[in-house]
Amino acid sequence: MLDDFRQRQTDGELAANLDAAYTGLALFGLAAAPVVFPQIARALGLDPDSEEFATRYAEETTRLVEHLKED
């Protein structure tokens, strides 16, 4: 798993100045957040059980991860 994140750094998909292990952990947390903490999504006015949420969360997550690329 860690080797995959390091390869992504080599390929420029993940900035070289990021620690691959910590970044990987953070990305797994990002993916799991609406499942593990649906109450937080609801407190933010979102419905984590809706199809729209799944689509929009995937889009926003993609945009966020794009910012982690090497410039």
C-alpha atoms as a PDB file:
ATOM      1  CA  MET A   1       0.000   0.000   0.000  1.00  0.00           C
ATOM      2  CA  LEU A   2       2.714   2.469   0.955  1.00  0.00           C
ATOM      3  CA  ASP A   3       4.625   1.542  -2.182  1.00  0.00           C
ATOM      4  CA  ASP A   4       1.580   2.569  -4.243  1.00  0.00           C
ATOM      5  CA  PHE A   5       1.537   6.027  -2.657  1.00  0.00           C
ATOM      6  CA  ARG A   6       5.283   6.376  -3.237  1.00  0.00           C
ATOM      7  CA  GLN A   7       4.823   5.372  -6.875  1.00  0.00           C
ATOM      8  CA  ARG A   8       2.153   8.036  -7.195  1.00  0.00           C
ATOM      9  CA  GLN A   9       4.733  10.523  -5.936  1.00  0.00           C
ATOM     10  CA  THR A  10       7.209   9.343  -8.544  1.00  0.00           C
ATOM     11  CA  ASP A  11       4.490   9.706 -11.208  1.00  0.00           C
ATOM     12  CA  GLY A  12       3.677  13.253 -10.040  1.00  0.00           C
ATOM     13  CA  GLU A  13       0.183  12.341  -8.823  1.00  0.00           C
ATOM     14  CA  LEU A  14       1.200  13.183  -5.271  1.00  0.00           C
ATOM     15  CA  ALA A  15       3.578  16.001  -4.350  1.00  0.00           C
ATOM     16  CA  ALA A  16       7.050  14.876  -3.342  1.00  0.00           C
ATOM     17  CA  ASN A  17       7.023  17.083  -0.235  1.00  0.00           C
ATOM     18  CA  LEU A  18       4.144  15.092   1.300  1.00  0.00           C
ATOM     19  CA  ASP A  19       4.804  12.121   3.547  1.00  0.00           C
ATOM     20  CA  ALA A  20       3.276   9.190   1.682  1.00  0.00           C
ATOM     21  CA  ALA A  21       2.227   7.301   4.824  1.00  0.00           C
ATOM     22  CA  TYR A  22       0.508  10.256   6.506  1.00  0.00           C
ATOM     23  CA  THR A  23      -1.106  11.363   3.265  1.00  0.00           C
ATOM     24  CA  GLY A  24      -2.382   7.838   2.648  1.00  0.00           C
ATOM     25  CA  LEU A  25      -3.874   7.707   6.128  1.00  0.00           C
ATOM     26  CA  ALA A  26      -5.543  11.087   5.633  1.00  0.00           C
ATOM     27  CA  LEU A  27      -7.035   9.987   2.304  1.00  0.00           C
ATOM     28  CA  PHE A  28      -8.440   6.823   3.848  1.00  0.00           C
ATOM     29  CA  GLY A  29      -9.968   8.990   6.563  1.00  0.00           C
ATOM     30  CA  LEU A  30     -11.458  11.281   3.941  1.00  0.00           C
ATOM     31  CA  ALA A  31     -13.032   8.312   2.179  1.00  0.00           C
ATOM     32  CA  ALA A  32     -14.419   6.827   5.404  1.00  0.00           C
ATOM     33  CA  ALA A  33     -15.650  10.035   7.048  1.00  0.00           C
ATOM     34  CA  PRO A  34     -19.272  10.054   5.825  1.00  0.00           C
ATOM     35  CA  VAL A  35     -19.707   6.397   6.795  1.00  0.00           C
ATOM     36  CA  VAL A  36     -17.993   6.626  10.175  1.00  0.00           C
ATOM     37  CA  PHE A  37     -19.300  10.096  11.087  1.00  0.00           C
ATOM     38  CA  PRO A  38     -22.661  10.594   9.341  1.00  0.00           C
ATOM     39  CA  GLN A  39     -23.773  12.811  12.224  1.00  0.00           C
ATOM     40  CA  ILE A  40     -21.117  15.348  11.272  1.00  0.00           C
ATOM     41  CA  ALA A  41     -22.365  15.421   7.680  1.00  0.00           C
ATOM     42  CA  ARG A  42     -25.897  15.966   8.983  1.00  0.00           C
ATOM     43  CA  ALA A  43     -24.694  18.741  11.321  1.00  0.00           C
ATOM     44  CA  LEU A  44     -23.283  20.445   8.220  1.00  0.00           C
ATOM     45  CA  GLY A  45     -26.685  20.240   6.534  1.00  0.00           C
ATOM     46  CA  LEU A  46     -25.824  17.276   4.303  1.00  0.00           C
ATOM     47  CA  ASP A  47     -27.664  13.982   3.877  1.00  0.00           C
ATOM     48  CA  PRO A  48     -25.005  11.255   3.789  1.00  0.00           C
ATOM     49  CA  ASP A  49     -27.654   8.673   2.863  1.00  0.00           C
ATOM     50  CA  SER A  50     -28.679  10.379  -0.367  1.00  0.00           C
ATOM     51  CA  GLU A  51     -27.486   9.523  -3.855  1.00  0.00           C
ATOM     52  CA  GLU A  52     -26.789  13.217  -4.468  1.00  0.00           C
ATOM     53  CA  PHE A  53     -24.437  13.270  -1.478  1.00  0.00           C
ATOM     54  CA  ALA A  54     -22.462  10.296  -2.809  1.00  0.00           C
ATOM     55  CA  THR A  55     -22.049  11.985  -6.193  1.00  0.00           C
ATOM     56  CA  ARG A  56     -21.148  15.404  -4.834  1.00  0.00           C
ATOM     57  CA  TYR A  57     -18.810  13.997  -2.161  1.00  0.00           C
ATOM     58  CA  ALA A  58     -16.937  12.041  -4.838  1.00  0.00           C
ATOM     59  CA  GLU A  59     -16.638  15.196  -6.975  1.00  0.00           C
ATOM     60  CA  GLU A  60     -15.412  17.335  -4.083  1.00  0.00           C
ATOM     61  CA  THR A  61     -12.982  14.645  -2.957  1.00  0.00           C
ATOM     62  CA  THR A  62     -11.577  14.454  -6.487  1.00  0.00           C
ATOM     63  CA  ARG A  63     -11.076  18.231  -6.555  1.00  0.00           C
ATOM     64  CA  LEU A  64      -9.393  18.163  -3.171  1.00  0.00           C
ATOM     65  CA  VAL A  65      -7.021  15.353  -4.145  1.00  0.00           C
ATOM     66  CA  GLU A  66      -6.128  17.190  -7.359  1.00  0.00           C
ATOM     67  CA  HIS A  67      -4.520  19.849  -5.150  1.00  0.00           C
ATOM     68  CA  LEU A  68      -2.095  17.248  -3.792  1.00  0.00           C
ATOM     69  CA  LYS A  69      -0.399  16.818  -7.183  1.00  0.00           C
ATOM     70  CA  GLU A  70       3.115  17.953  -7.868  1.00  0.00           C
ATOM     71  CA  ASP A  71       3.208  21.401  -9.523  1.00  0.00           C
END
